[in-house]
PDB file of N, CA and C in Angstrom:
ATOM      1  N   MET A   1      11.113 -10.333   8.627  1.00  0.00           N
ATOM      2  CA  MET A   1      10.563  -9.121   8.048  1.00  0.00           C
ATOM      3  C   MET A   1       9.032  -9.162   8.144  1.00  0.00           C
ATOM      4  N   ALA A   2       8.446  -8.019   8.203  1.00  0.00           N
ATOM      5  CA  ALA A   2       6.985  -7.900   8.325  1.00  0.00           C
ATOM      6  C   ALA A   2       6.306  -8.375   7.042  1.00  0.00           C
ATOM      7  N   LYS A   3       5.137  -8.947   7.203  1.00  0.00           N
ATOM      8  CA  LYS A   3       4.330  -9.361   6.057  1.00  0.00           C
ATOM      9  C   LYS A   3       2.958  -8.728   6.185  1.00  0.00           C
ATOM     10  N   LEU A   4       2.406  -8.330   5.059  1.00  0.00           N
ATOM     11  CA  LEU A   4       1.074  -7.742   5.019  1.00  0.00           C
ATOM     12  C   LEU A   4       0.101  -8.766   4.448  1.00  0.00           C
ATOM     13  N   THR A   5      -1.187  -8.548   4.682  1.00  0.00           N
ATOM     14  CA  THR A   5      -2.204  -9.480   4.216  1.00  0.00           C
ATOM     15  C   THR A   5      -2.973  -8.884   3.044  1.00  0.00           C
ATOM     16  N   ALA A   6      -2.847  -9.526   1.885  1.00  0.00           N
ATOM     17  CA  ALA A   6      -3.613  -9.129   0.709  1.00  0.00           C
ATOM     18  C   ALA A   6      -4.901  -9.942   0.693  1.00  0.00           C
ATOM     19  N   VAL A   7      -6.016  -9.266   0.420  1.00  0.00           N
ATOM     20  CA  VAL A   7      -7.319  -9.925   0.346  1.00  0.00           C
ATOM     21  C   VAL A   7      -7.869  -9.699  -1.064  1.00  0.00           C
ATOM     22  N   TYR A   8      -8.382 -10.767  -1.662  1.00  0.00           N
ATOM     23  CA  TYR A   8      -8.948 -10.679  -3.009  1.00  0.00           C
ATOM     24  C   TYR A   8     -10.373 -11.215  -2.992  1.00  0.00           C
ATOM     25  N   LYS A   9     -11.240 -10.568  -3.785  1.00  0.00           N
ATOM     26  CA  LYS A   9     -12.647 -10.955  -3.841  1.00  0.00           C
ATOM     27  C   LYS A   9     -13.150 -10.780  -5.265  1.00  0.00           C
ATOM     28  N   LYS A  10     -13.821 -11.779  -5.760  1.00  0.00           N
ATOM     29  CA  LYS A  10     -14.435 -11.691  -7.090  1.00  0.00           C
ATOM     30  C   LYS A  10     -15.740 -10.924  -6.959  1.00  0.00           C
ATOM     31  N   SER A  11     -15.930  -9.925  -7.821  1.00  0.00           N
ATOM     32  CA  SER A  11     -17.154  -9.112  -7.805  1.00  0.00           C
ATOM     33  C   SER A  11     -17.620  -8.929  -9.244  1.00  0.00           C
ATOM     34  N   GLY A  12     -18.567  -9.725  -9.651  1.00  0.00           N
ATOM     35  CA  GLY A  12     -18.998  -9.690 -11.044  1.00  0.00           C
ATOM     36  C   GLY A  12     -17.868 -10.163 -11.941  1.00  0.00           C
ATOM     37  N   LYS A  13     -17.515  -9.345 -12.926  1.00  0.00           N
ATOM     38  CA  LYS A  13     -16.434  -9.699 -13.844  1.00  0.00           C
ATOM     39  C   LYS A  13     -15.069  -9.224 -13.343  1.00  0.00           C
ATOM     40  N   TRP A  14     -15.033  -8.559 -12.216  1.00  0.00           N
ATOM     41  CA  TRP A  14     -13.801  -7.973 -11.695  1.00  0.00           C
ATOM     42  C   TRP A  14     -13.332  -8.673 -10.428  1.00  0.00           C
ATOM     43  N   TYR A  15     -12.045  -8.533 -10.161  1.00  0.00           N
ATOM     44  CA  TYR A  15     -11.482  -8.923  -8.871  1.00  0.00           C
ATOM     45  C   TYR A  15     -11.151  -7.649  -8.112  1.00  0.00           C
ATOM     46  N   LEU A  16     -11.459  -7.617  -6.843  1.00  0.00           N
ATOM     47  CA  LEU A  16     -11.100  -6.509  -5.966  1.00  0.00           C
ATOM     48  C   LEU A  16      -9.968  -6.988  -5.072  1.00  0.00           C
ATOM     49  N   GLY A  17      -9.079  -6.083  -4.726  1.00  0.00           N
ATOM     50  CA  GLY A  17      -7.985  -6.445  -3.841  1.00  0.00           C
ATOM     51  C   GLY A  17      -7.656  -5.299  -2.910  1.00  0.00           C
ATOM     52  N   TRP A  18      -7.246  -5.647  -1.674  1.00  0.00           N
ATOM     53  CA  TRP A  18      -6.843  -4.630  -0.716  1.00  0.00           C
ATOM     54  C   TRP A  18      -5.887  -5.229   0.293  1.00  0.00           C
ATOM     55  N   ILE A  19      -5.195  -4.352   1.013  1.00  0.00           N
ATOM     56  CA  ILE A  19      -4.273  -4.741   2.079  1.00  0.00           C
ATOM     57  C   ILE A  19      -5.013  -4.507   3.400  1.00  0.00           C
ATOM     58  N   GLU A  20      -5.164  -5.562   4.187  1.00  0.00           N
ATOM     59  CA  GLU A  20      -5.924  -5.447   5.442  1.00  0.00           C
ATOM     60  C   GLU A  20      -5.331  -4.425   6.397  1.00  0.00           C
ATOM     61  N   GLU A  21      -4.024  -4.376   6.492  1.00  0.00           N
ATOM     62  CA  GLU A  21      -3.366  -3.577   7.517  1.00  0.00           C
ATOM     63  C   GLU A  21      -3.205  -2.100   7.168  1.00  0.00           C
ATOM     64  N   ILE A  22      -3.415  -1.722   5.913  1.00  0.00           N
ATOM     65  CA  ILE A  22      -3.169  -0.335   5.512  1.00  0.00           C
ATOM     66  C   ILE A  22      -4.386   0.216   4.781  1.00  0.00           C
ATOM     67  N   PRO A  23      -5.172   1.040   5.455  1.00  0.00           N
ATOM     68  CA  PRO A  23      -6.341   1.641   4.801  1.00  0.00           C
ATOM     69  C   PRO A  23      -5.930   2.429   3.557  1.00  0.00           C
ATOM     70  N   GLY A  24      -6.738   2.352   2.532  1.00  0.00           N
ATOM     71  CA  GLY A  24      -6.484   3.127   1.324  1.00  0.00           C
ATOM     72  C   GLY A  24      -5.699   2.389   0.260  1.00  0.00           C
ATOM     73  N   VAL A  25      -5.150   1.225   0.592  1.00  0.00           N
ATOM     74  CA  VAL A  25      -4.429   0.438  -0.417  1.00  0.00           C
ATOM     75  C   VAL A  25      -5.418  -0.580  -0.974  1.00  0.00           C
ATOM     76  N   ASN A  26      -5.992  -0.242  -2.120  1.00  0.00           N
ATOM     77  CA  ASN A  26      -6.959  -1.128  -2.751  1.00  0.00           C
ATOM     78  C   ASN A  26      -6.932  -0.932  -4.254  1.00  0.00           C
ATOM     79  N   THR A  27      -7.458  -1.913  -4.976  1.00  0.00           N
ATOM     80  CA  THR A  27      -7.409  -1.870  -6.428  1.00  0.00           C
ATOM     81  C   THR A  27      -8.429  -2.835  -7.005  1.00  0.00           C
ATOM     82  N   GLN A  28      -8.411  -2.955  -8.321  1.00  0.00           N
ATOM     83  CA  GLN A  28      -9.245  -3.933  -9.001  1.00  0.00           C
ATOM     84  C   GLN A  28      -8.544  -4.371 -10.277  1.00  0.00           C
ATOM     85  N   GLY A  29      -9.015  -5.447 -10.867  1.00  0.00           N
ATOM     86  CA  GLY A  29      -8.453  -5.943 -12.115  1.00  0.00           C
ATOM     87  C   GLY A  29      -9.393  -6.937 -12.756  1.00  0.00           C
ATOM     88  N   LYS A  30      -9.181  -7.176 -14.041  1.00  0.00           N
ATOM     89  CA  LYS A  30     -10.034  -8.118 -14.765  1.00  0.00           C
ATOM     90  C   LYS A  30      -9.661  -9.565 -14.453  1.00  0.00           C
ATOM     91  N   THR A  31      -8.411  -9.800 -14.047  1.00  0.00           N
ATOM     92  CA  THR A  31      -7.965 -11.134 -13.656  1.00  0.00           C
ATOM     93  C   THR A  31      -7.347 -11.047 -12.261  1.00  0.00           C
ATOM     94  N   LEU A  32      -7.231 -12.199 -11.612  1.00  0.00           N
ATOM     95  CA  LEU A  32      -6.609 -12.222 -10.301  1.00  0.00           C
ATOM     96  C   LEU A  32      -5.151 -11.774 -10.401  1.00  0.00           C
ATOM     97  N   GLN A  33      -4.448 -12.227 -11.431  1.00  0.00           N
ATOM     98  CA  GLN A  33      -3.044 -11.840 -11.598  1.00  0.00           C
ATOM     99  C   GLN A  33      -2.907 -10.332 -11.796  1.00  0.00           C
ATOM    100  N   GLU A  34      -3.761  -9.749 -12.617  1.00  0.00           N
ATOM    101  CA  GLU A  34      -3.731  -8.296 -12.831  1.00  0.00           C
ATOM    102  C   GLU A  34      -3.993  -7.559 -11.516  1.00  0.00           C
ATOM    103  N   THR A  35      -4.931  -8.064 -10.740  1.00  0.00           N
ATOM    104  CA  THR A  35      -5.259  -7.438  -9.459  1.00  0.00           C
ATOM    105  C   THR A  35      -4.079  -7.514  -8.506  1.00  0.00           C
ATOM    106  N   LYS A  36      -3.390  -8.645  -8.471  1.00  0.00           N
ATOM    107  CA  LYS A  36      -2.204  -8.787  -7.617  1.00  0.00           C
ATOM    108  C   LYS A  36      -1.123  -7.789  -8.011  1.00  0.00           C
ATOM    109  N   GLU A  37      -0.879  -7.641  -9.301  1.00  0.00           N
ATOM    110  CA  GLU A  37       0.115  -6.677  -9.777  1.00  0.00           C
ATOM    111  C   GLU A  37      -0.310  -5.252  -9.445  1.00  0.00           C
ATOM    112  N   ASN A  38      -1.587  -4.938  -9.658  1.00  0.00           N
ATOM    113  CA  ASN A  38      -2.098  -3.601  -9.357  1.00  0.00           C
ATOM    114  C   ASN A  38      -1.997  -3.291  -7.864  1.00  0.00           C
ATOM    115  N   LEU A  39      -2.212  -4.307  -7.034  1.00  0.00           N
ATOM    116  CA  LEU A  39      -2.169  -4.092  -5.592  1.00  0.00           C
ATOM    117  C   LEU A  39      -0.757  -3.759  -5.126  1.00  0.00           C
ATOM    118  N   LYS A  40       0.238  -4.415  -5.685  1.00  0.00           N
ATOM    119  CA  LYS A  40       1.626  -4.093  -5.337  1.00  0.00           C
ATOM    120  C   LYS A  40       1.946  -2.647  -5.718  1.00  0.00           C
ATOM    121  N   GLU A  41       1.497  -2.243  -6.900  1.00  0.00           N
ATOM    122  CA  GLU A  41       1.714  -0.868  -7.351  1.00  0.00           C
ATOM    123  C   GLU A  41       0.984   0.131  -6.453  1.00  0.00           C
ATOM    124  N   ALA A  42      -0.258  -0.195  -6.069  1.00  0.00           N
ATOM    125  CA  ALA A  42      -1.025   0.691  -5.186  1.00  0.00           C
ATOM    126  C   ALA A  42      -0.324   0.840  -3.840  1.00  0.00           C
ATOM    127  N   LEU A  43       0.198  -0.255  -3.303  1.00  0.00           N
ATOM    128  CA  LEU A  43       0.914  -0.198  -2.027  1.00  0.00           C
ATOM    129  C   LEU A  43       2.132   0.707  -2.130  1.00  0.00           C
ATOM    130  N   LEU A  44       2.914   0.541  -3.175  1.00  0.00           N
ATOM    131  CA  LEU A  44       4.100   1.385  -3.342  1.00  0.00           C
ATOM    132  C   LEU A  44       3.729   2.855  -3.485  1.00  0.00           C
ATOM    133  N   LEU A  45       2.660   3.148  -4.228  1.00  0.00           N
ATOM    134  CA  LEU A  45       2.224   4.532  -4.408  1.00  0.00           C
ATOM    135  C   LEU A  45       1.747   5.148  -3.098  1.00  0.00           C
ATOM    136  N   VAL A  46       0.996   4.407  -2.299  1.00  0.00           N
ATOM    137  CA  VAL A  46       0.525   4.925  -1.017  1.00  0.00           C
ATOM    138  C   VAL A  46       1.698   5.181  -0.081  1.00  0.00           C
ATOM    139  N   LEU A  47       2.633   4.246  -0.007  1.00  0.00           N
ATOM    140  CA  LEU A  47       3.799   4.443   0.864  1.00  0.00           C
ATOM    141  C   LEU A  47       4.632   5.640   0.411  1.00  0.00           C
ATOM    142  N   GLU A  48       4.838   5.759  -0.887  1.00  0.00           N
ATOM    143  CA  GLU A  48       5.610   6.886  -1.427  1.00  0.00           C
ATOM    144  C   GLU A  48       4.899   8.214  -1.143  1.00  0.00           C
ATOM    145  N   THR A  49       3.598   8.256  -1.353  1.00  0.00           N
ATOM    146  CA  THR A  49       2.828   9.476  -1.111  1.00  0.00           C
ATOM    147  C   THR A  49       2.836   9.850   0.362  1.00  0.00           C
ATOM    148  N   ASN A  50       2.631   8.861   1.243  1.00  0.00           N
ATOM    149  CA  ASN A  50       2.661   9.135   2.680  1.00  0.00           C
ATOM    150  C   ASN A  50       4.020   9.663   3.117  1.00  0.00           C
ATOM    151  N   ARG A  51       5.082   9.084   2.582  1.00  0.00           N
ATOM    152  CA  ARG A  51       6.435   9.547   2.910  1.00  0.00           C
ATOM    153  C   ARG A  51       6.623  10.999   2.459  1.00  0.00           C
ATOM    154  N   MET A  52       6.176  11.308   1.243  1.00  0.00           N
ATOM    155  CA  MET A  52       6.322  12.661   0.705  1.00  0.00           C
ATOM    156  C   MET A  52       5.526  13.669   1.542  1.00  0.00           C
ATOM    157  N   LEU A  53       4.297  13.314   1.898  1.00  0.00           N
ATOM    158  CA  LEU A  53       3.476  14.215   2.708  1.00  0.00           C
ATOM    159  C   LEU A  53       4.080  14.441   4.089  1.00  0.00           C
ATOM    160  N   SER A  54       4.625  13.396   4.673  1.00  0.00           N
ATOM    161  CA  SER A  54       5.266  13.517   5.990  1.00  0.00           C
ATOM    162  C   SER A  54       6.485  14.423   5.910  1.00  0.00           C
ATOM    163  N   GLN A  55       7.306  14.216   4.893  1.00  0.00           N
ATOM    164  CA  GLN A  55       8.500  15.040   4.739  1.00  0.00           C
ATOM    165  C   GLN A  55       8.137  16.501   4.517  1.00  0.00           C
ATOM    166  N   LYS A  56       7.101  16.742   3.742  1.00  0.00           N
ATOM    167  CA  LYS A  56       6.660  18.115   3.484  1.00  0.00           C
ATOM    168  C   LYS A  56       6.143  18.762   4.773  1.00  0.00           C
ATOM    169  N   ALA A  57       5.361  18.012   5.557  1.00  0.00           N
ATOM    170  CA  ALA A  57       4.794  18.550   6.797  1.00  0.00           C
ATOM    171  C   ALA A  57       5.881  18.850   7.828  1.00  0.00           C
ATOM    172  N   LEU A  58       6.972  18.115   7.771  1.00  0.00           N
ATOM    173  CA  LEU A  58       8.038  18.282   8.760  1.00  0.00           C
ATOM    174  C   LEU A  58       9.225  19.093   8.239  1.00  0.00           C
ATOM    175  N   MET A  59       9.088  19.661   7.050  1.00  0.00           N
ATOM    176  CA  MET A  59      10.183  20.408   6.437  1.00  0.00           C
ATOM    177  C   MET A  59      10.692  21.506   7.370  1.00  0.00           C
ATOM    178  N   GLY A  60      11.991  21.537   7.538  1.00  0.00           N
ATOM    179  CA  GLY A  60      12.605  22.558   8.372  1.00  0.00           C
ATOM    180  C   GLY A  60      12.627  22.206   9.849  1.00  0.00           C
ATOM    181  N   GLN A  61      11.993  21.121  10.234  1.00  0.00           N
ATOM    182  CA  GLN A  61      11.983  20.708  11.636  1.00  0.00           C
ATOM    183  C   GLN A  61      13.063  19.654  11.866  1.00  0.00           C
ATOM    184  N   LYS A  62      13.566  19.652  13.078  1.00  0.00           N
ATOM    185  CA  LYS A  62      14.579  18.673  13.432  1.00  0.00           C
ATOM    186  C   LYS A  62      13.880  17.396  13.894  1.00  0.00           C
ATOM    187  N   VAL A  63      14.054  16.329  13.132  1.00  0.00           N
ATOM    188  CA  VAL A  63      13.439  15.044  13.455  1.00  0.00           C
ATOM    189  C   VAL A  63      14.468  13.926  13.286  1.00  0.00           C
ATOM    190  N   ILE A  64      14.166  12.782  13.828  1.00  0.00           N
ATOM    191  CA  ILE A  64      15.002  11.603  13.657  1.00  0.00           C
ATOM    192  C   ILE A  64      14.240  10.623  12.772  1.00  0.00           C
ATOM    193  N   ARG A  65      14.874  10.200  11.696  1.00  0.00           N
ATOM    194  CA  ARG A  65      14.282   9.200  10.806  1.00  0.00           C
ATOM    195  C   ARG A  65      15.161   7.966  10.842  1.00  0.00           C
ATOM    196  N   GLU A  66      14.534   6.809  10.939  1.00  0.00           N
ATOM    197  CA  GLU A  66      15.292   5.563  10.899  1.00  0.00           C
ATOM    198  C   GLU A  66      14.420   4.460  10.316  1.00  0.00           C
ATOM    199  N   ALA A  67      15.066   3.466   9.737  1.00  0.00           N
ATOM    200  CA  ALA A  67      14.350   2.315   9.196  1.00  0.00           C
ATOM    201  C   ALA A  67      13.775   1.498  10.360  1.00  0.00           C
ATOM    202  N   LEU A  68      12.615   0.930  10.130  1.00  0.00           N
ATOM    203  CA  LEU A  68      11.958   0.127  11.150  1.00  0.00           C
ATOM    204  C   LEU A  68      11.663  -1.246  10.563  1.00  0.00           C
ATOM    205  N   SER A  69      12.203  -2.280  11.175  1.00  0.00           N
ATOM    206  CA  SER A  69      11.934  -3.663  10.793  1.00  0.00           C
ATOM    207  C   SER A  69      11.371  -4.379  11.994  1.00  0.00           C
ATOM    208  N   PHE A  70      10.450  -5.299  11.738  1.00  0.00           N
ATOM    209  CA  PHE A  70       9.925  -6.088  12.850  1.00  0.00           C
ATOM    210  C   PHE A  70       9.493  -7.462  12.341  1.00  0.00           C
ATOM    211  N   ALA A  71       9.430  -8.385  13.248  1.00  0.00           N
ATOM    212  CA  ALA A  71       9.060  -9.756  12.879  1.00  0.00           C
ATOM    213  C   ALA A  71       7.631 -10.040  13.258  1.00  0.00           C
TER     214      ALA A  71
END
């Protein structure tokens, strides 16, 4: 299964986190653990939003949707 790269950086009193492979998936937290949890939530929200926007843009059109897995 595919794996993504989470990057964390301490900035003052906060930790910043983002996913290298997906622009727009980023967050912050007061602790590293909080940032890790927030980043998972941010990733799920971005994927859900992108899926919803795609479905809305293609509404009424004939398309093929399938799951994609890669190593």
